[in-house]
């Protein structure tokens, strides 16, 4: 019999939604949805990486325009953060 580690996240998931717990921890399936925070963080990290490799602010803005559909909150925040960062 294989023993598994019971984590705080697993317990919290079970308290919130037992069905989600079963799918994730019993059957081993993970959600394919990506939260907005994770999407935003990944976008900023990729923009910073491009900047460290010598990309101009305009090139970074083009990159954001390609990756972010529409011009919603994520688009505005990412452009503002990178503009502020590049002003240093």
N, C-alpha and C. Protein backbone atom coordinates (compact mmCIF):
# COMPACT_ATOMS: atom_id res chain seq x y z
N UNK A 1 0.85 -1.18 0.00
CA UNK A 1 0.00 0.00 0.00
C UNK A 1 0.89 1.24 0.00
N UNK A 2 0.65 2.13 -0.95
CA UNK A 2 1.43 3.35 -1.06
C UNK A 2 0.83 4.42 -0.15
N UNK A 3 1.71 5.06 0.63
CA UNK A 3 1.26 6.14 1.52
C UNK A 3 1.50 7.46 0.82
N UNK A 4 0.55 8.35 0.96
CA UNK A 4 0.72 9.67 0.35
C UNK A 4 0.76 10.72 1.46
N UNK A 5 1.40 11.82 1.14
CA UNK A 5 1.54 12.92 2.07
C UNK A 5 0.28 13.76 2.05
N UNK A 6 -0.26 14.05 3.20
CA UNK A 6 -1.44 14.88 3.30
C UNK A 6 -0.98 16.31 3.58
N UNK A 7 -1.21 17.18 2.63
CA UNK A 7 -0.75 18.56 2.75
C UNK A 7 -1.88 19.48 3.18
N UNK A 8 -1.50 20.68 3.58
CA UNK A 8 -2.48 21.69 3.93
C UNK A 8 -3.37 22.00 2.72
N UNK A 9 -2.76 22.10 1.55
CA UNK A 9 -3.52 22.40 0.34
C UNK A 9 -4.54 21.31 0.05
N UNK A 10 -4.17 20.06 0.24
CA UNK A 10 -5.10 18.95 0.03
C UNK A 10 -6.27 19.03 1.02
N UNK A 11 -5.96 19.31 2.27
CA UNK A 11 -7.03 19.43 3.27
C UNK A 11 -7.96 20.59 2.95
N UNK A 12 -7.38 21.70 2.56
CA UNK A 12 -8.16 22.89 2.23
C UNK A 12 -9.04 22.63 1.00
N UNK A 13 -8.50 21.91 0.04
CA UNK A 13 -9.27 21.56 -1.15
C UNK A 13 -10.44 20.68 -0.77
N UNK A 14 -10.21 19.71 0.11
CA UNK A 14 -11.29 18.83 0.54
C UNK A 14 -12.38 19.61 1.27
N UNK A 15 -11.98 20.55 2.13
CA UNK A 15 -12.96 21.36 2.85
C UNK A 15 -13.79 22.22 1.90
N UNK A 16 -13.13 22.74 0.88
CA UNK A 16 -13.80 23.62 -0.07
C UNK A 16 -14.69 22.84 -1.03
N UNK A 17 -14.14 21.74 -1.58
CA UNK A 17 -14.88 20.99 -2.59
C UNK A 17 -14.40 19.53 -2.61
N UNK A 18 -15.10 18.64 -1.92
CA UNK A 18 -14.68 17.23 -1.90
C UNK A 18 -14.54 16.61 -3.29
N UNK A 19 -15.38 17.01 -4.21
CA UNK A 19 -15.28 16.46 -5.57
C UNK A 19 -13.97 16.88 -6.23
N UNK A 20 -13.59 18.14 -6.06
CA UNK A 20 -12.31 18.60 -6.62
C UNK A 20 -11.15 17.83 -5.99
N UNK A 21 -11.23 17.60 -4.68
CA UNK A 21 -10.21 16.82 -3.98
C UNK A 21 -10.08 15.43 -4.61
N UNK A 22 -11.21 14.80 -4.84
CA UNK A 22 -11.19 13.45 -5.42
C UNK A 22 -10.56 13.45 -6.81
N UNK A 23 -10.93 14.42 -7.63
CA UNK A 23 -10.35 14.49 -8.96
C UNK A 23 -8.85 14.72 -8.90
N UNK A 24 -8.42 15.61 -8.03
CA UNK A 24 -7.00 15.99 -7.99
C UNK A 24 -6.13 14.97 -7.24
N UNK A 25 -6.54 14.62 -6.04
CA UNK A 25 -5.66 13.82 -5.18
C UNK A 25 -5.92 12.32 -5.23
N UNK A 26 -7.12 11.91 -5.59
CA UNK A 26 -7.40 10.47 -5.68
C UNK A 26 -7.15 9.97 -7.10
N UNK A 27 -7.68 10.70 -8.07
CA UNK A 27 -7.53 10.28 -9.47
C UNK A 27 -6.29 10.87 -10.14
N UNK A 28 -5.70 11.90 -9.54
CA UNK A 28 -4.47 12.47 -10.07
C UNK A 28 -4.65 13.39 -11.26
N UNK A 29 -5.84 13.96 -11.42
CA UNK A 29 -6.10 14.87 -12.55
C UNK A 29 -6.00 16.31 -12.08
N UNK A 30 -5.44 17.16 -12.92
CA UNK A 30 -5.29 18.57 -12.57
C UNK A 30 -6.12 19.44 -13.50
N UNK A 31 -6.50 20.59 -13.02
CA UNK A 31 -7.27 21.54 -13.80
C UNK A 31 -6.39 22.15 -14.89
N UNK A 32 -6.98 22.42 -16.03
CA UNK A 32 -6.24 23.06 -17.10
C UNK A 32 -6.45 24.58 -17.09
N UNK A 33 -7.32 25.06 -16.22
CA UNK A 33 -7.56 26.50 -16.09
C UNK A 33 -6.36 27.17 -15.44
N UNK A 34 -6.03 28.35 -15.91
CA UNK A 34 -4.95 29.13 -15.34
C UNK A 34 -5.56 30.39 -14.75
N UNK A 35 -5.26 30.65 -13.50
CA UNK A 35 -5.82 31.83 -12.85
C UNK A 35 -5.26 33.10 -13.49
N UNK A 36 -6.00 34.19 -13.33
CA UNK A 36 -5.55 35.46 -13.89
C UNK A 36 -4.22 35.89 -13.27
N UNK A 37 -4.06 35.65 -11.96
CA UNK A 37 -2.82 36.03 -11.28
C UNK A 37 -1.63 35.26 -11.85
N UNK A 38 -1.79 33.98 -12.10
CA UNK A 38 -0.71 33.18 -12.66
C UNK A 38 -0.39 33.63 -14.09
N UNK A 39 -1.43 33.89 -14.86
CA UNK A 39 -1.24 34.38 -16.23
C UNK A 39 -0.48 35.71 -16.21
N UNK A 40 -0.86 36.62 -15.33
CA UNK A 40 -0.22 37.92 -15.24
C UNK A 40 1.24 37.79 -14.81
N UNK A 41 1.50 36.98 -13.80
CA UNK A 41 2.86 36.78 -13.31
C UNK A 41 3.77 36.19 -14.39
N UNK A 42 3.26 35.22 -15.12
CA UNK A 42 4.03 34.61 -16.20
C UNK A 42 4.33 35.64 -17.28
N UNK A 43 3.35 36.46 -17.61
CA UNK A 43 3.53 37.50 -18.61
C UNK A 43 4.62 38.49 -18.20
N UNK A 44 4.58 38.94 -16.95
CA UNK A 44 5.57 39.91 -16.46
C UNK A 44 6.96 39.29 -16.46
N UNK A 45 7.08 38.04 -16.04
CA UNK A 45 8.38 37.38 -16.04
C UNK A 45 8.94 37.27 -17.46
N UNK A 46 8.09 36.96 -18.42
CA UNK A 46 8.55 36.87 -19.81
C UNK A 46 8.97 38.24 -20.33
N UNK A 47 8.24 39.28 -19.93
CA UNK A 47 8.61 40.64 -20.35
C UNK A 47 9.95 41.06 -19.73
N UNK A 48 10.15 40.74 -18.46
CA UNK A 48 11.42 41.06 -17.81
C UNK A 48 12.58 40.31 -18.44
N UNK A 49 12.33 39.06 -18.78
CA UNK A 49 13.36 38.27 -19.45
C UNK A 49 13.74 38.92 -20.79
N UNK A 50 12.73 39.35 -21.54
CA UNK A 50 13.01 40.02 -22.82
C UNK A 50 13.79 41.31 -22.59
N UNK A 51 13.45 42.05 -21.55
CA UNK A 51 14.15 43.30 -21.25
C UNK A 51 15.62 43.03 -20.91
N UNK A 52 15.87 42.01 -20.10
CA UNK A 52 17.24 41.67 -19.72
C UNK A 52 18.05 41.20 -20.93
N UNK A 53 17.36 40.72 -21.95
CA UNK A 53 18.04 40.29 -23.17
C UNK A 53 18.20 41.45 -24.16
N UNK A 54 17.80 42.65 -23.75
CA UNK A 54 18.04 43.83 -24.56
C UNK A 54 16.86 44.34 -25.37
N UNK A 55 15.68 43.81 -25.17
CA UNK A 55 14.51 44.27 -25.93
C UNK A 55 14.13 45.69 -25.52
N UNK A 56 13.68 46.46 -26.49
CA UNK A 56 13.23 47.82 -26.21
C UNK A 56 11.83 47.78 -25.60
N UNK A 57 11.42 48.91 -25.04
CA UNK A 57 10.08 49.00 -24.46
C UNK A 57 9.02 48.78 -25.53
N UNK A 58 9.25 49.29 -26.73
CA UNK A 58 8.30 49.11 -27.82
C UNK A 58 8.15 47.63 -28.18
N UNK A 59 9.27 46.92 -28.18
CA UNK A 59 9.22 45.48 -28.48
C UNK A 59 8.46 44.74 -27.38
N UNK A 60 8.65 45.15 -26.14
CA UNK A 60 7.92 44.52 -25.03
C UNK A 60 6.43 44.81 -25.15
N UNK A 61 6.07 46.04 -25.50
CA UNK A 61 4.66 46.38 -25.71
C UNK A 61 4.05 45.53 -26.82
N UNK A 62 4.80 45.32 -27.90
CA UNK A 62 4.32 44.46 -28.99
C UNK A 62 4.09 43.05 -28.49
N UNK A 63 5.00 42.57 -27.65
CA UNK A 63 4.89 41.23 -27.07
C UNK A 63 3.63 41.12 -26.22
N UNK A 64 3.38 42.14 -25.39
CA UNK A 64 2.18 42.15 -24.55
C UNK A 64 0.93 42.16 -25.43
N UNK A 65 0.94 42.97 -26.47
CA UNK A 65 -0.21 43.05 -27.38
C UNK A 65 -0.53 41.70 -28.02
N UNK A 66 0.50 40.92 -28.34
CA UNK A 66 0.29 39.61 -28.94
C UNK A 66 -0.24 38.59 -27.94
N UNK A 67 0.23 38.67 -26.69
CA UNK A 67 -0.13 37.64 -25.71
C UNK A 67 -1.43 37.90 -24.96
N UNK A 68 -1.83 39.15 -24.85
CA UNK A 68 -3.02 39.47 -24.07
C UNK A 68 -4.17 39.81 -25.02
N UNK A 69 -5.18 38.96 -25.06
CA UNK A 69 -6.32 39.24 -25.93
C UNK A 69 -7.14 40.40 -25.37
N UNK A 70 -7.46 41.35 -26.21
CA UNK A 70 -8.23 42.51 -25.75
C UNK A 70 -7.36 43.47 -24.98
N UNK A 71 -7.93 44.53 -24.55
CA UNK A 71 -7.19 45.54 -23.82
C UNK A 71 -7.82 45.73 -22.45
N UNK A 72 -7.91 44.65 -21.69
CA UNK A 72 -8.51 44.68 -20.36
C UNK A 72 -7.51 45.06 -19.28
N UNK A 73 -7.84 44.73 -18.05
CA UNK A 73 -7.02 45.08 -16.89
C UNK A 73 -5.61 44.50 -16.97
N UNK A 74 -5.48 43.26 -17.40
CA UNK A 74 -4.16 42.63 -17.47
C UNK A 74 -3.28 43.40 -18.45
N UNK A 75 -3.83 43.76 -19.59
CA UNK A 75 -3.09 44.50 -20.61
C UNK A 75 -2.61 45.84 -20.06
N UNK A 76 -3.51 46.58 -19.41
CA UNK A 76 -3.17 47.90 -18.87
C UNK A 76 -2.11 47.78 -17.78
N UNK A 77 -2.29 46.84 -16.86
CA UNK A 77 -1.33 46.67 -15.75
C UNK A 77 0.04 46.25 -16.26
N UNK A 78 0.07 45.33 -17.21
CA UNK A 78 1.36 44.84 -17.73
C UNK A 78 2.11 45.97 -18.43
N UNK A 79 1.42 46.74 -19.25
CA UNK A 79 2.09 47.85 -19.95
C UNK A 79 2.56 48.90 -18.96
N UNK A 80 1.75 49.21 -17.95
CA UNK A 80 2.15 50.22 -16.96
C UNK A 80 3.34 49.74 -16.15
N UNK A 81 3.33 48.48 -15.74
CA UNK A 81 4.46 47.95 -14.96
C UNK A 81 5.75 47.98 -15.76
N UNK A 82 5.68 47.57 -17.01
CA UNK A 82 6.90 47.53 -17.81
C UNK A 82 7.37 48.94 -18.17
N UNK A 83 6.46 49.87 -18.38
CA UNK A 83 6.84 51.26 -18.66
C UNK A 83 7.56 51.84 -17.45
N UNK A 84 7.01 51.59 -16.26
CA UNK A 84 7.66 52.07 -15.04
C UNK A 84 9.00 51.42 -14.82
N UNK A 85 9.10 50.14 -15.08
CA UNK A 85 10.35 49.42 -14.90
C UNK A 85 11.43 49.94 -15.85
N UNK A 86 11.05 50.19 -17.09
CA UNK A 86 12.02 50.64 -18.09
C UNK A 86 12.44 52.09 -17.90
N UNK A 87 11.73 52.85 -17.09
CA UNK A 87 12.10 54.23 -16.83
C UNK A 87 13.29 54.34 -15.89
N UNK A 88 13.60 53.28 -15.19
CA UNK A 88 14.72 53.30 -14.24
C UNK A 88 16.01 53.61 -14.92
